[in-house]
């Protein structure tokens, strides 16, 4: 199942992929700032939102 990590401010995708990546890794890859809105990125366990993704039928 794909994983997506978004900026909480502008919803820019910080990571999309099949391999699991921690939010801290995504933050580090972008130098601590969202590349789209320049918001300072932070990881707060209470703000995690996990939702199922509907798979397209073949």
N, C-alpha and C. Protein backbone atom coordinates (compact mmCIF):
# COMPACT_ATOMS: atom_id res chain seq x y z
N UNK A 1 0.85 -1.17 0.00
CA UNK A 1 0.00 0.00 0.00
C UNK A 1 0.90 1.24 0.00
N UNK A 2 0.61 2.22 -0.85
CA UNK A 2 1.45 3.42 -0.92
C UNK A 2 1.36 4.26 0.35
N UNK A 3 2.43 4.95 0.61
CA UNK A 3 2.48 5.88 1.74
C UNK A 3 2.64 7.28 1.17
N UNK A 4 1.96 8.23 1.77
CA UNK A 4 2.08 9.63 1.37
C UNK A 4 2.28 10.48 2.61
N UNK A 5 3.22 11.39 2.54
CA UNK A 5 3.46 12.33 3.62
C UNK A 5 3.27 13.72 3.04
N UNK A 6 2.39 14.51 3.66
CA UNK A 6 2.02 15.84 3.18
C UNK A 6 2.46 16.92 4.14
N UNK A 7 2.63 18.12 3.63
CA UNK A 7 2.80 19.31 4.46
C UNK A 7 1.43 19.62 5.07
N UNK A 8 1.38 19.88 6.36
CA UNK A 8 0.10 20.17 7.01
C UNK A 8 -0.42 21.57 6.66
N UNK A 9 0.44 22.41 6.12
CA UNK A 9 0.04 23.77 5.78
C UNK A 9 -0.55 23.87 4.37
N UNK A 10 0.16 23.32 3.38
CA UNK A 10 -0.26 23.50 1.98
C UNK A 10 -0.61 22.18 1.29
N UNK A 11 -0.49 21.06 1.98
CA UNK A 11 -0.76 19.70 1.49
C UNK A 11 0.17 19.26 0.36
N UNK A 12 1.31 19.93 0.20
CA UNK A 12 2.31 19.49 -0.77
C UNK A 12 2.82 18.11 -0.37
N UNK A 13 2.96 17.20 -1.34
CA UNK A 13 3.45 15.85 -1.05
C UNK A 13 4.95 15.89 -0.79
N UNK A 14 5.33 15.51 0.42
CA UNK A 14 6.73 15.46 0.79
C UNK A 14 7.34 14.10 0.48
N UNK A 15 6.52 13.06 0.48
CA UNK A 15 6.96 11.72 0.13
C UNK A 15 5.77 10.92 -0.38
N UNK A 16 6.00 10.17 -1.46
CA UNK A 16 5.02 9.22 -1.98
C UNK A 16 5.81 8.00 -2.41
N UNK A 17 5.42 6.82 -1.92
CA UNK A 17 6.13 5.62 -2.32
C UNK A 17 5.58 4.38 -1.67
N UNK A 18 6.03 3.24 -2.16
CA UNK A 18 5.60 1.96 -1.61
C UNK A 18 6.38 1.57 -0.37
N UNK A 19 7.61 2.04 -0.25
CA UNK A 19 8.41 1.73 0.93
C UNK A 19 8.07 2.69 2.05
N UNK A 20 8.00 2.17 3.27
CA UNK A 20 7.68 3.03 4.41
C UNK A 20 8.85 3.97 4.70
N UNK A 21 8.52 5.21 4.93
CA UNK A 21 9.51 6.21 5.30
C UNK A 21 8.97 6.95 6.51
N UNK A 22 9.82 7.21 7.48
CA UNK A 22 9.34 7.92 8.66
C UNK A 22 9.17 9.40 8.32
N UNK A 23 8.25 10.05 9.01
CA UNK A 23 8.09 11.50 8.80
C UNK A 23 9.39 12.26 9.06
N UNK A 24 10.19 11.80 10.00
CA UNK A 24 11.45 12.47 10.29
C UNK A 24 12.41 12.38 9.11
N UNK A 25 12.40 11.26 8.38
CA UNK A 25 13.23 11.13 7.18
C UNK A 25 12.79 12.13 6.11
N UNK A 26 11.49 12.26 5.92
CA UNK A 26 10.96 13.21 4.93
C UNK A 26 11.33 14.64 5.31
N UNK A 27 11.24 14.96 6.59
CA UNK A 27 11.60 16.30 7.06
C UNK A 27 13.08 16.56 6.78
N UNK A 28 13.92 15.58 7.09
CA UNK A 28 15.36 15.73 6.89
C UNK A 28 15.70 15.91 5.41
N UNK A 29 15.04 15.15 4.53
CA UNK A 29 15.31 15.24 3.09
C UNK A 29 15.03 16.63 2.54
N UNK A 30 14.10 17.34 3.15
CA UNK A 30 13.72 18.67 2.67
C UNK A 30 14.35 19.79 3.50
N UNK A 31 15.31 19.44 4.32
CA UNK A 31 16.02 20.46 5.09
C UNK A 31 15.17 21.14 6.15
N UNK A 32 14.09 20.48 6.56
CA UNK A 32 13.25 21.01 7.62
C UNK A 32 12.20 22.02 7.17
N UNK A 33 12.14 22.29 5.86
CA UNK A 33 11.17 23.25 5.34
C UNK A 33 10.40 22.63 4.18
N UNK A 34 9.12 22.95 4.10
CA UNK A 34 8.32 22.52 2.96
C UNK A 34 8.86 23.22 1.72
N UNK A 35 9.16 22.48 0.64
CA UNK A 35 9.69 23.11 -0.56
C UNK A 35 8.66 23.99 -1.28
N UNK A 36 7.40 23.83 -0.95
CA UNK A 36 6.34 24.60 -1.62
C UNK A 36 6.01 25.90 -0.88
N UNK A 37 5.69 25.80 0.42
CA UNK A 37 5.25 26.99 1.17
C UNK A 37 6.29 27.50 2.16
N UNK A 38 7.39 26.78 2.32
CA UNK A 38 8.51 27.16 3.21
C UNK A 38 8.16 27.09 4.69
N UNK A 39 7.07 26.41 5.05
CA UNK A 39 6.71 26.24 6.46
C UNK A 39 7.75 25.33 7.12
N UNK A 40 8.10 25.63 8.36
CA UNK A 40 9.00 24.77 9.10
C UNK A 40 8.28 23.46 9.38
N UNK A 41 8.91 22.34 8.98
CA UNK A 41 8.30 21.03 9.17
C UNK A 41 8.66 20.48 10.55
N UNK A 42 7.70 19.85 11.18
CA UNK A 42 7.91 19.23 12.49
C UNK A 42 7.08 17.96 12.54
N UNK A 43 7.49 17.04 13.38
CA UNK A 43 6.78 15.77 13.53
C UNK A 43 6.12 15.74 14.90
N UNK A 44 4.79 15.60 14.88
CA UNK A 44 4.01 15.51 16.11
C UNK A 44 3.16 14.25 16.02
N UNK A 45 3.42 13.28 16.86
CA UNK A 45 2.72 11.99 16.81
C UNK A 45 1.21 12.16 16.91
N UNK A 46 0.74 13.20 17.60
CA UNK A 46 -0.69 13.42 17.77
C UNK A 46 -1.37 13.95 16.51
N UNK A 47 -0.57 14.43 15.54
CA UNK A 47 -1.17 14.98 14.33
C UNK A 47 -1.17 14.01 13.16
N UNK A 48 -0.73 12.78 13.39
CA UNK A 48 -0.71 11.79 12.31
C UNK A 48 -2.13 11.39 11.95
N UNK A 49 -2.39 11.32 10.66
CA UNK A 49 -3.69 10.90 10.17
C UNK A 49 -3.46 9.75 9.19
N UNK A 50 -4.04 8.61 9.48
CA UNK A 50 -3.89 7.44 8.61
C UNK A 50 -5.25 7.15 7.98
N UNK A 51 -5.28 7.12 6.66
CA UNK A 51 -6.52 6.86 5.95
C UNK A 51 -6.29 5.79 4.89
N UNK A 52 -7.29 4.97 4.63
CA UNK A 52 -7.13 3.96 3.58
C UNK A 52 -7.17 4.61 2.20
N UNK A 53 -6.48 3.96 1.29
CA UNK A 53 -6.46 4.44 -0.10
C UNK A 53 -7.25 3.45 -0.92
N UNK A 54 -8.18 3.97 -1.71
CA UNK A 54 -8.95 3.10 -2.58
C UNK A 54 -8.11 2.71 -3.78
N UNK A 55 -8.04 1.43 -4.04
CA UNK A 55 -7.26 0.91 -5.16
C UNK A 55 -8.13 0.93 -6.41
N UNK A 56 -7.50 1.28 -7.52
CA UNK A 56 -8.22 1.29 -8.80
C UNK A 56 -8.41 -0.13 -9.29
N UNK A 57 -9.56 -0.42 -9.85
CA UNK A 57 -9.83 -1.75 -10.41
C UNK A 57 -9.12 -1.87 -11.75
N UNK A 58 -8.61 -3.06 -12.00
CA UNK A 58 -7.93 -3.27 -13.28
C UNK A 58 -8.88 -3.82 -14.30
